[in-house]
């Protein structure tokens, strides 16, 4: 049983599209996707620095493009696909639910809307590492924040107002470390409600097909093939927690023996090390790696 996974925001790196430009029609694809996403992917993927690509409106289309280009270099069948946060769009394309062009157009709208919400609500995020999950969740709720990412049993990321995250950092529960994250807003919390509505509008009328292979969704870790259900899950997940812990539980329950992470790989491979102890964990790094 093989799983293919696509990383989310935070995995981006300066110059990450440069290795792919020499392959086939990659530049032409990137130029077309740039028009659809409303962003110069070639420039940002080759020239922009870390601070510029940290911008949500830039990072999300870049990550989607990198995952799709790297997938074209992987000539292997997979039994399950999944993506972390914005990585669900490239996963949906790979599963056959959306076309690449429709996905890039929707990601551009999602990225701009989430960036606008972040600017409007002055949110922040912090990772609660270690300790009992119940204690971490109680501390997050007590601070007035929300759980935004369940990355595993020993890491829950909280999101909320700057005041709430300040309180969480100051009142870290016993046996944990609370690490403030360098992000622009409180993603995957109710502060992103307007972005959820914007994404729903962007995906209205888009052609949707059932998945050729099951896609394990962030919202509940369900392995779905119904295309409409997958799209609804992707939309609702903007303002709700990323349940990557449940994705990994589904992988384990289904007997996944190998996981391949698309470019820019590393983050999801690290998260899988505990949950999929006996599985072979691989990454697509650059064309030379998969040639």
C-alpha atoms as a PDB file:
ATOM      1  CA  UNK A   1       0.000   0.000   0.000  1.00  0.00           C
ATOM      2  CA  UNK A   2       1.593   3.268  -1.210  1.00  0.00           C
ATOM      3  CA  UNK A   3       0.595   6.808  -0.249  1.00  0.00           C
ATOM      4  CA  UNK A   4       1.468  10.032  -2.067  1.00  0.00           C
ATOM      5  CA  UNK A   5       1.413  13.239   0.004  1.00  0.00           C
ATOM      6  CA  UNK A   6       1.678  16.920  -0.878  1.00  0.00           C
ATOM      7  CA  UNK A   7       3.105  19.468   1.606  1.00  0.00           C
ATOM      8  CA  UNK A   8       1.418  22.628   2.829  1.00  0.00           C
ATOM      9  CA  UNK A   9       2.357  26.178   3.729  1.00  0.00           C
ATOM     10  CA  UNK A  10       5.630  26.480   5.592  1.00  0.00           C
ATOM     11  CA  UNK A  11       7.435  23.988   3.352  1.00  0.00           C
ATOM     12  CA  UNK A  12       8.278  26.611   0.692  1.00  0.00           C
ATOM     13  CA  UNK A  13      11.924  27.423  -0.040  1.00  0.00           C
ATOM     14  CA  UNK A  14      13.562  30.157  -2.144  1.00  0.00           C
ATOM     15  CA  UNK A  15      14.328  28.962  -5.674  1.00  0.00           C
ATOM     16  CA  UNK A  16      12.267  25.814  -5.320  1.00  0.00           C
ATOM     17  CA  UNK A  17      10.882  25.931  -8.873  1.00  0.00           C
ATOM     18  CA  UNK A  18      14.231  26.572 -10.563  1.00  0.00           C
ATOM     19  CA  UNK A  19      15.218  22.877 -10.974  1.00  0.00           C
ATOM     20  CA  UNK A  20      11.968  22.117 -12.807  1.00  0.00           C
ATOM     21  CA  UNK A  21      12.099  24.838 -15.450  1.00  0.00           C
ATOM     22  CA  UNK A  22      14.368  22.881 -17.780  1.00  0.00           C
ATOM     23  CA  UNK A  23      12.018  19.893 -17.913  1.00  0.00           C
ATOM     24  CA  UNK A  24       9.658  19.475 -20.840  1.00  0.00           C
ATOM     25  CA  UNK A  25       6.976  22.152 -20.937  1.00  0.00           C
ATOM     26  CA  UNK A  26       7.339  23.208 -17.297  1.00  0.00           C
ATOM     27  CA  UNK A  27       7.957  26.873 -18.095  1.00  0.00           C
ATOM     28  CA  UNK A  28       4.885  27.012 -20.331  1.00  0.00           C
ATOM     29  CA  UNK A  29       2.776  25.400 -17.600  1.00  0.00           C
ATOM     30  CA  UNK A  30       4.065  27.836 -15.003  1.00  0.00           C
ATOM     31  CA  UNK A  31       3.326  30.798 -17.255  1.00  0.00           C
ATOM     32  CA  UNK A  32      -0.242  29.569 -17.817  1.00  0.00           C
ATOM     33  CA  UNK A  33      -0.730  28.828 -14.113  1.00  0.00           C
ATOM     34  CA  UNK A  34       0.636  32.289 -13.287  1.00  0.00           C
ATOM     35  CA  UNK A  35      -2.202  33.862 -15.274  1.00  0.00           C
ATOM     36  CA  UNK A  36      -4.774  31.655 -13.560  1.00  0.00           C
ATOM     37  CA  UNK A  37      -3.432  32.198 -10.033  1.00  0.00           C
ATOM     38  CA  UNK A  38      -2.753  35.906 -10.540  1.00  0.00           C
ATOM     39  CA  UNK A  39       0.894  35.557  -9.539  1.00  0.00           C
ATOM     40  CA  UNK A  40       4.247  35.423 -11.351  1.00  0.00           C
ATOM     41  CA  UNK A  41       5.191  31.875 -10.389  1.00  0.00           C
ATOM     42  CA  UNK A  42       8.381  31.845 -12.467  1.00  0.00           C
ATOM     43  CA  UNK A  43       9.796  34.923 -10.746  1.00  0.00           C
ATOM     44  CA  UNK A  44       8.710  33.973  -7.244  1.00  0.00           C
ATOM     45  CA  UNK A  45       9.827  30.379  -7.719  1.00  0.00           C
ATOM     46  CA  UNK A  46      13.304  31.321  -8.898  1.00  0.00           C
ATOM     47  CA  UNK A  47      14.200  34.821  -7.644  1.00  0.00           C
ATOM     48  CA  UNK A  48      12.145  35.781  -4.584  1.00  0.00           C
ATOM     49  CA  UNK A  49      13.661  35.510  -1.113  1.00  0.00           C
ATOM     50  CA  UNK A  50      12.347  33.750   1.986  1.00  0.00           C
ATOM     51  CA  UNK A  51      10.427  36.762   3.296  1.00  0.00           C
ATOM     52  CA  UNK A  52       8.608  37.388   0.022  1.00  0.00           C
ATOM     53  CA  UNK A  53       7.500  33.775  -0.424  1.00  0.00           C
ATOM     54  CA  UNK A  54       6.404  33.657   3.227  1.00  0.00           C
ATOM     55  CA  UNK A  55       3.431  35.788   2.137  1.00  0.00           C
ATOM     56  CA  UNK A  56       0.362  33.542   2.096  1.00  0.00           C
ATOM     57  CA  UNK A  57      -0.773  34.951  -1.248  1.00  0.00           C
ATOM     58  CA  UNK A  58       2.557  33.865  -2.758  1.00  0.00           C
ATOM     59  CA  UNK A  59       3.331  30.668  -0.859  1.00  0.00           C
ATOM     60  CA  UNK A  60       0.148  28.736  -1.613  1.00  0.00           C
ATOM     61  CA  UNK A  61       0.225  28.940  -5.442  1.00  0.00           C
ATOM     62  CA  UNK A  62       3.983  28.261  -5.388  1.00  0.00           C
ATOM     63  CA  UNK A  63       3.543  25.111  -3.333  1.00  0.00           C
ATOM     64  CA  UNK A  64       0.740  23.860  -5.555  1.00  0.00           C
ATOM     65  CA  UNK A  65       2.842  24.409  -8.679  1.00  0.00           C
ATOM     66  CA  UNK A  66       5.885  22.679  -7.154  1.00  0.00           C
ATOM     67  CA  UNK A  67       3.855  19.635  -6.137  1.00  0.00           C
ATOM     68  CA  UNK A  68       2.225  19.286  -9.560  1.00  0.00           C
ATOM     69  CA  UNK A  69       5.495  19.661 -11.456  1.00  0.00           C
ATOM     70  CA  UNK A  70       7.264  17.152  -9.220  1.00  0.00           C
ATOM     71  CA  UNK A  71       4.413  14.661  -9.594  1.00  0.00           C
ATOM     72  CA  UNK A  72       4.966  14.618 -13.354  1.00  0.00           C
ATOM     73  CA  UNK A  73       8.416  13.160 -12.668  1.00  0.00           C
ATOM     74  CA  UNK A  74       6.989  10.273 -10.615  1.00  0.00           C
ATOM     75  CA  UNK A  75       5.986   7.373 -12.826  1.00  0.00           C
ATOM     76  CA  UNK A  76       4.544   5.130 -10.112  1.00  0.00           C
ATOM     77  CA  UNK A  77       1.019   4.089  -9.109  1.00  0.00           C
ATOM     78  CA  UNK A  78      -0.342   5.023  -5.669  1.00  0.00           C
ATOM     79  CA  UNK A  79      -3.158   3.609  -3.571  1.00  0.00           C
ATOM     80  CA  UNK A  80      -3.930   6.743  -1.505  1.00  0.00           C
ATOM     81  CA  UNK A  81      -3.276  10.475  -1.864  1.00  0.00           C
ATOM     82  CA  UNK A  82      -3.425  13.303   0.668  1.00  0.00           C
ATOM     83  CA  UNK A  83      -2.271  16.885   1.035  1.00  0.00           C
ATOM     84  CA  UNK A  84      -1.593  19.066   4.069  1.00  0.00           C
ATOM     85  CA  UNK A  85      -3.781  22.197   3.975  1.00  0.00           C
ATOM     86  CA  UNK A  86      -3.228  23.837   0.547  1.00  0.00           C
ATOM     87  CA  UNK A  87      -1.565  20.556  -0.456  1.00  0.00           C
ATOM     88  CA  UNK A  88      -5.089  19.151  -0.794  1.00  0.00           C
ATOM     89  CA  UNK A  89      -5.431  20.958  -4.124  1.00  0.00           C
ATOM     90  CA  UNK A  90      -2.500  19.204  -5.767  1.00  0.00           C
ATOM     91  CA  UNK A  91      -3.692  15.938  -4.183  1.00  0.00           C
ATOM     92  CA  UNK A  92      -7.142  16.489  -5.712  1.00  0.00           C
ATOM     93  CA  UNK A  93      -5.570  17.067  -9.140  1.00  0.00           C
ATOM     94  CA  UNK A  94      -3.490  13.905  -8.830  1.00  0.00           C
ATOM     95  CA  UNK A  95      -6.574  11.935  -7.755  1.00  0.00           C
ATOM     96  CA  UNK A  96      -8.434  13.200 -10.832  1.00  0.00           C
ATOM     97  CA  UNK A  97     -10.990  15.328  -8.956  1.00  0.00           C
ATOM     98  CA  UNK A  98      -9.927  18.723 -10.383  1.00  0.00           C
ATOM     99  CA  UNK A  99      -8.008  19.864 -13.434  1.00  0.00           C
ATOM    100  CA  UNK A 100      -4.657  21.514 -12.750  1.00  0.00           C
ATOM    101  CA  UNK A 101      -5.902  24.781 -14.259  1.00  0.00           C
ATOM    102  CA  UNK A 102      -9.028  24.878 -12.088  1.00  0.00           C
ATOM    103  CA  UNK A 103      -6.968  24.038  -9.013  1.00  0.00           C
ATOM    104  CA  UNK A 104      -4.479  26.853  -9.672  1.00  0.00           C
ATOM    105  CA  UNK A 105      -7.280  29.360 -10.199  1.00  0.00           C
ATOM    106  CA  UNK A 106      -8.953  28.299  -6.940  1.00  0.00           C
ATOM    107  CA  UNK A 107      -5.675  28.300  -4.994  1.00  0.00           C
ATOM    108  CA  UNK A 108      -4.989  31.851  -6.131  1.00  0.00           C
ATOM    109  CA  UNK A 109      -8.380  32.929  -4.786  1.00  0.00           C
ATOM    110  CA  UNK A 110      -7.892  30.969  -1.544  1.00  0.00           C
ATOM    111  CA  UNK A 111      -4.438  32.444  -0.977  1.00  0.00           C
ATOM    112  CA  UNK A 112      -5.567  36.041  -1.503  1.00  0.00           C
ATOM    113  CA  UNK A 113      -8.609  35.567   0.724  1.00  0.00           C
ATOM    114  CA  UNK A 114      -6.619  33.959   3.544  1.00  0.00           C
ATOM    115  CA  UNK A 115      -4.002  36.715   3.334  1.00  0.00           C
ATOM    116  CA  UNK A 116      -6.772  39.311   3.554  1.00  0.00           C
ATOM    117  CA  UNK A 117      -8.278  37.602   6.610  1.00  0.00           C
ATOM    118  CA  UNK A 118      -4.860  37.459   8.248  1.00  0.00           C
ATOM    119  CA  UNK A 119      -4.371  41.188   7.689  1.00  0.00           C
ATOM    120  CA  UNK A 120      -7.856  42.020   8.954  1.00  0.00           C
ATOM    121  CA  UNK A 121      -7.790  39.965  12.154  1.00  0.00           C
ATOM    122  CA  UNK A 122      -4.165  40.244  13.364  1.00  0.00           C
ATOM    123  CA  UNK A 123      -3.937  36.562  14.209  1.00  0.00           C
ATOM    124  CA  UNK A 124      -1.006  34.445  15.355  1.00  0.00           C
ATOM    125  CA  UNK A 125      -0.113  30.776  15.849  1.00  0.00           C
ATOM    126  CA  UNK A 126       1.997  28.687  18.221  1.00  0.00           C
ATOM    127  CA  UNK A 127       2.906  25.000  18.444  1.00  0.00           C
ATOM    128  CA  UNK A 128       2.299  23.162  21.697  1.00  0.00           C
ATOM    129  CA  UNK A 129       4.904  20.386  21.742  1.00  0.00           C
ATOM    130  CA  UNK A 130       4.945  17.489  24.213  1.00  0.00           C
ATOM    131  CA  UNK A 131       2.672  16.782  27.148  1.00  0.00           C
ATOM    132  CA  UNK A 132      -0.757  15.181  27.169  1.00  0.00           C
ATOM    133  CA  UNK A 133      -3.042  16.175  24.273  1.00  0.00           C
ATOM    134  CA  UNK A 134      -5.956  16.833  26.656  1.00  0.00           C
ATOM    135  CA  UNK A 135      -3.847  19.249  28.688  1.00  0.00           C
ATOM    136  CA  UNK A 136      -2.667  21.023  25.543  1.00  0.00           C
ATOM    137  CA  UNK A 137      -6.220  21.411  24.245  1.00  0.00           C
ATOM    138  CA  UNK A 138      -7.406  22.694  27.631  1.00  0.00           C
ATOM    139  CA  UNK A 139      -4.606  25.276  27.674  1.00  0.00           C
ATOM    140  CA  UNK A 140      -5.413  26.388  24.115  1.00  0.00           C
ATOM    141  CA  UNK A 141      -9.095  26.806  24.973  1.00  0.00           C
ATOM    142  CA  UNK A 142      -8.255  28.539  28.247  1.00  0.00           C
ATOM    143  CA  UNK A 143      -6.131  31.090  26.413  1.00  0.00           C
ATOM    144  CA  UNK A 144      -9.036  31.912  24.097  1.00  0.00           C
ATOM    145  CA  UNK A 145      -7.422  30.288  21.049  1.00  0.00           C
ATOM    146  CA  UNK A 146      -8.368  27.331  18.832  1.00  0.00           C
ATOM    147  CA  UNK A 147      -6.554  24.149  17.757  1.00  0.00           C
ATOM    148  CA  UNK A 148      -5.556  24.693  14.130  1.00  0.00           C
ATOM    149  CA  UNK A 149      -3.290  21.760  13.248  1.00  0.00           C
ATOM    150  CA  UNK A 150      -3.147  18.326  14.838  1.00  0.00           C
ATOM    151  CA  UNK A 151       0.190  17.178  13.435  1.00  0.00           C
ATOM    152  CA  UNK A 152       0.515  14.177  15.738  1.00  0.00           C
ATOM    153  CA  UNK A 153      -0.077  13.120  19.354  1.00  0.00           C
ATOM    154  CA  UNK A 154       2.752  15.332  20.635  1.00  0.00           C
ATOM    155  CA  UNK A 155       2.222  18.454  18.503  1.00  0.00           C
ATOM    156  CA  UNK A 156      -0.879  20.618  18.315  1.00  0.00           C
ATOM    157  CA  UNK A 157      -0.705  24.027  16.648  1.00  0.00           C
ATOM    158  CA  UNK A 158      -2.957  26.730  18.080  1.00  0.00           C
ATOM    159  CA  UNK A 159      -4.302  29.784  16.290  1.00  0.00           C
ATOM    160  CA  UNK A 160      -6.077  32.867  17.520  1.00  0.00           C
ATOM    161  CA  UNK A 161      -5.703  36.551  18.178  1.00  0.00           C
ATOM    162  CA  UNK A 162      -2.269  37.877  19.103  1.00  0.00           C
ATOM    163  CA  UNK A 163      -3.531  38.401  22.668  1.00  0.00           C
ATOM    164  CA  UNK A 164      -4.700  34.778  22.953  1.00  0.00           C
ATOM    165  CA  UNK A 165      -1.438  33.357  21.628  1.00  0.00           C
ATOM    166  CA  UNK A 166       0.567  35.641  23.948  1.00  0.00           C
ATOM    167  CA  UNK A 167      -1.422  34.203  26.859  1.00  0.00           C
ATOM    168  CA  UNK A 168      -0.812  30.637  25.686  1.00  0.00           C
ATOM    169  CA  UNK A 169       2.942  31.229  25.418  1.00  0.00           C
ATOM    170  CA  UNK A 170       3.056  32.760  28.891  1.00  0.00           C
ATOM    171  CA  UNK A 171       0.940  30.011  30.483  1.00  0.00           C
ATOM    172  CA  UNK A 172       2.373  26.915  28.794  1.00  0.00           C
ATOM    173  CA  UNK A 173       0.984  23.716  30.346  1.00  0.00           C
ATOM    174  CA  UNK A 174       3.354  21.610  32.417  1.00  0.00           C
ATOM    175  CA  UNK A 175       5.561  19.284  30.380  1.00  0.00           C
ATOM    176  CA  UNK A 176       5.163  21.196  27.114  1.00  0.00           C
ATOM    177  CA  UNK A 177       7.014  23.766  25.060  1.00  0.00           C
ATOM    178  CA  UNK A 178       4.956  26.467  23.363  1.00  0.00           C
ATOM    179  CA  UNK A 179       6.743  27.783  20.287  1.00  0.00           C
ATOM    180  CA  UNK A 180       5.447  30.890  18.548  1.00  0.00           C
ATOM    181  CA  UNK A 181       5.352  30.350  14.776  1.00  0.00           C
ATOM    182  CA  UNK A 182       6.514  32.831  12.171  1.00  0.00           C
ATOM    183  CA  UNK A 183       3.223  33.052  10.283  1.00  0.00           C
ATOM    184  CA  UNK A 184       1.057  35.950   9.178  1.00  0.00           C
ATOM    185  CA  UNK A 185      -2.316  34.898  10.613  1.00  0.00           C
ATOM    186  CA  UNK A 186      -4.471  32.399  12.483  1.00  0.00           C
ATOM    187  CA  UNK A 187      -5.055  29.896   9.699  1.00  0.00           C
ATOM    188  CA  UNK A 188      -7.602  27.077  10.032  1.00  0.00           C
ATOM    189  CA  UNK A 189      -9.536  28.870  12.769  1.00  0.00           C
ATOM    190  CA  UNK A 190     -12.865  30.757  12.755  1.00  0.00           C
ATOM    191  CA  UNK A 191     -10.866  33.909  11.911  1.00  0.00           C
ATOM    192  CA  UNK A 192     -10.676  32.487   8.359  1.00  0.00           C
ATOM    193  CA  UNK A 193     -14.463  32.314   7.862  1.00  0.00           C
ATOM    194  CA  UNK A 194     -14.477  34.940   5.099  1.00  0.00           C
ATOM    195  CA  UNK A 195     -11.774  33.015   3.224  1.00  0.00           C
ATOM    196  CA  UNK A 196     -13.901  29.874   3.348  1.00  0.00           C
ATOM    197  CA  UNK A 197     -16.737  31.789   1.698  1.00  0.00           C
ATOM    198  CA  UNK A 198     -14.379  33.176  -0.962  1.00  0.00           C
ATOM    199  CA  UNK A 199     -13.092  29.701  -1.810  1.00  0.00           C
ATOM    200  CA  UNK A 200     -16.625  28.356  -2.073  1.00  0.00           C
ATOM    201  CA  UNK A 201     -17.417  31.093  -4.586  1.00  0.00           C
ATOM    202  CA  UNK A 202     -14.212  30.379  -6.536  1.00  0.00           C
ATOM    203  CA  UNK A 203     -15.083  26.691  -6.852  1.00  0.00           C
ATOM    204  CA  UNK A 204     -18.735  27.215  -7.778  1.00  0.00           C
ATOM    205  CA  UNK A 205     -19.407  25.720 -11.196  1.00  0.00           C
ATOM    206  CA  UNK A 206     -15.993  24.066 -11.504  1.00  0.00           C
ATOM    207  CA  UNK A 207     -15.992  20.626 -13.152  1.00  0.00           C
ATOM    208  CA  UNK A 208     -15.545  17.932 -10.496  1.00  0.00           C
ATOM    209  CA  UNK A 209     -14.975  14.197 -11.036  1.00  0.00           C
ATOM    210  CA  UNK A 210     -14.849  11.284  -8.643  1.00  0.00           C
ATOM    211  CA  UNK A 211     -11.369  10.325  -7.501  1.00  0.00           C
ATOM    212  CA  UNK A 212      -9.519   7.575  -9.352  1.00  0.00           C
ATOM    213  CA  UNK A 213      -7.757   6.695  -6.075  1.00  0.00           C
ATOM    214  CA  UNK A 214      -9.063   7.511  -2.575  1.00  0.00           C
ATOM    215  CA  UNK A 215      -8.067  10.899  -1.160  1.00  0.00           C
ATOM    216  CA  UNK A 216      -7.626  11.069   2.614  1.00  0.00           C
ATOM    217  CA  UNK A 217      -8.983  14.441   3.712  1.00  0.00           C
ATOM    218  CA  UNK A 218      -7.676  16.840   6.332  1.00  0.00           C
ATOM    219  CA  UNK A 219     -11.053  17.483   7.853  1.00  0.00           C
ATOM    220  CA  UNK A 220     -11.693  14.030   9.305  1.00  0.00           C
ATOM    221  CA  UNK A 221      -9.041  11.686   7.920  1.00  0.00           C
ATOM    222  CA  UNK A 222     -11.627   9.994   5.711  1.00  0.00           C
ATOM    223  CA  UNK A 223     -10.601   8.174   2.540  1.00  0.00           C
ATOM    224  CA  UNK A 224     -13.069   9.570  -0.002  1.00  0.00           C
ATOM    225  CA  UNK A 225     -13.664   8.980  -3.708  1.00  0.00           C
ATOM    226  CA  UNK A 226     -16.808  11.098  -4.169  1.00  0.00           C
ATOM    227  CA  UNK A 227     -15.559  14.242  -5.881  1.00  0.00           C
ATOM    228  CA  UNK A 228     -18.213  16.568  -4.466  1.00  0.00           C
ATOM    229  CA  UNK A 229     -17.547  15.361  -0.939  1.00  0.00           C
ATOM    230  CA  UNK A 230     -13.814  15.944  -1.417  1.00  0.00           C
ATOM    231  CA  UNK A 231     -14.368  19.504  -2.669  1.00  0.00           C
ATOM    232  CA  UNK A 232     -16.738  20.266   0.216  1.00  0.00           C
ATOM    233  CA  UNK A 233     -14.139  18.997   2.671  1.00  0.00           C
ATOM    234  CA  UNK A 234     -11.432  21.164   1.067  1.00  0.00           C
ATOM    235  CA  UNK A 235     -13.664  24.234   1.325  1.00  0.00           C
ATOM    236  CA  UNK A 236     -14.724  23.681   4.939  1.00  0.00           C
ATOM    237  CA  UNK A 237     -11.174  22.924   6.042  1.00  0.00           C
ATOM    238  CA  UNK A 238     -10.030  26.553   5.482  1.00  0.00           C
ATOM    239  CA  UNK A 239     -11.573  27.633   8.802  1.00  0.00           C
ATOM    240  CA  UNK A 240     -11.262  24.300  10.622  1.00  0.00           C
ATOM    241  CA  UNK A 241      -8.296  22.318  11.987  1.00  0.00           C
ATOM    242  CA  UNK A 242      -5.968  20.303   9.779  1.00  0.00           C
ATOM    243  CA  UNK A 243      -6.293  16.784  11.202  1.00  0.00           C
ATOM    244  CA  UNK A 244      -3.039  15.360   9.850  1.00  0.00           C
ATOM    245  CA  UNK A 245      -3.009  13.026  12.847  1.00  0.00           C
ATOM    246  CA  UNK A 246      -6.168  11.390  11.485  1.00  0.00           C
ATOM    247  CA  UNK A 247      -4.670  11.206   7.977  1.00  0.00           C
ATOM    248  CA  UNK A 248      -1.713   9.285   9.406  1.00  0.00           C
ATOM    249  CA  UNK A 249      -4.057   7.041  11.422  1.00  0.00           C
ATOM    250  CA  UNK A 250      -5.902   6.171   8.204  1.00  0.00           C
ATOM    251  CA  UNK A 251      -2.613   5.436   6.459  1.00  0.00           C
ATOM    252  CA  UNK A 252      -1.633   3.104   9.300  1.00  0.00           C
ATOM    253  CA  UNK A 253      -5.044   1.411   9.391  1.00  0.00           C
ATOM    254  CA  UNK A 254      -4.924   0.819   5.644  1.00  0.00           C
ATOM    255  CA  UNK A 255      -1.475  -0.746   5.895  1.00  0.00           C
ATOM    256  CA  UNK A 256       0.591   1.915   4.126  1.00  0.00           C
ATOM    257  CA  UNK A 257       4.106   0.541   3.611  1.00  0.00           C
ATOM    258  CA  UNK A 258       5.563   3.483   1.648  1.00  0.00           C
ATOM    259  CA  UNK A 259       4.949   7.236   1.617  1.00  0.00           C
ATOM    260  CA  UNK A 260       6.306   9.566  -1.059  1.00  0.00           C
ATOM    261  CA  UNK A 261       6.259  13.308  -0.364  1.00  0.00           C
ATOM    262  CA  UNK A 262       6.146  15.654  -3.332  1.00  0.00           C
ATOM    263  CA  UNK A 263       8.383  18.723  -3.607  1.00  0.00           C
ATOM    264  CA  UNK A 264       9.343  20.630  -1.577  1.00  0.00           C
ATOM    265  CA  UNK A 265       9.564  17.565   0.657  1.00  0.00           C
ATOM    266  CA  UNK A 266      10.620  17.089   4.241  1.00  0.00           C
ATOM    267  CA  UNK A 267       7.899  18.284   6.609  1.00  0.00           C
ATOM    268  CA  UNK A 268       5.395  15.468   6.078  1.00  0.00           C
ATOM    269  CA  UNK A 269       8.168  12.881   6.016  1.00  0.00           C
ATOM    270  CA  UNK A 270       9.184  14.045   9.485  1.00  0.00           C
ATOM    271  CA  UNK A 271       5.620  13.836  10.792  1.00  0.00           C
ATOM    272  CA  UNK A 272       5.246  10.282   9.455  1.00  0.00           C
ATOM    273  CA  UNK A 273       8.279   8.860  11.260  1.00  0.00           C
ATOM    274  CA  UNK A 274       6.376   7.997  14.447  1.00  0.00           C
ATOM    275  CA  UNK A 275       3.015   7.097  12.947  1.00  0.00           C
ATOM    276  CA  UNK A 276       4.373   4.915  10.129  1.00  0.00           C
ATOM    277  CA  UNK A 277       7.414   3.405  11.825  1.00  0.00           C
ATOM    278  CA  UNK A 278       7.831   0.471   9.444  1.00  0.00           C
ATOM    279  CA  UNK A 279       6.984   2.339   6.234  1.00  0.00           C
ATOM    280  CA  UNK A 280       9.524   3.461   3.667  1.00  0.00           C
ATOM    281  CA  UNK A 281       9.514   7.274   3.666  1.00  0.00           C
ATOM    282  CA  UNK A 282      10.736   9.039   0.532  1.00  0.00           C
ATOM    283  CA  UNK A 283      10.782  12.552  -0.901  1.00  0.00           C
ATOM    284  CA  UNK A 284      10.862  14.045  -4.376  1.00  0.00           C
ATOM    285  CA  UNK A 285      13.572  16.667  -4.057  1.00  0.00           C
ATOM    286  CA  UNK A 286      14.605  17.805  -7.550  1.00  0.00           C
ATOM    287  CA  UNK A 287      14.626  16.364 -11.088  1.00  0.00           C
ATOM    288  CA  UNK A 288      18.037  14.775 -10.560  1.00  0.00           C
ATOM    289  CA  UNK A 289      16.624  12.739  -7.657  1.00  0.00           C
ATOM    290  CA  UNK A 290      13.821  11.167  -9.681  1.00  0.00           C
ATOM    291  CA  UNK A 291      15.510  10.930 -13.099  1.00  0.00           C
END
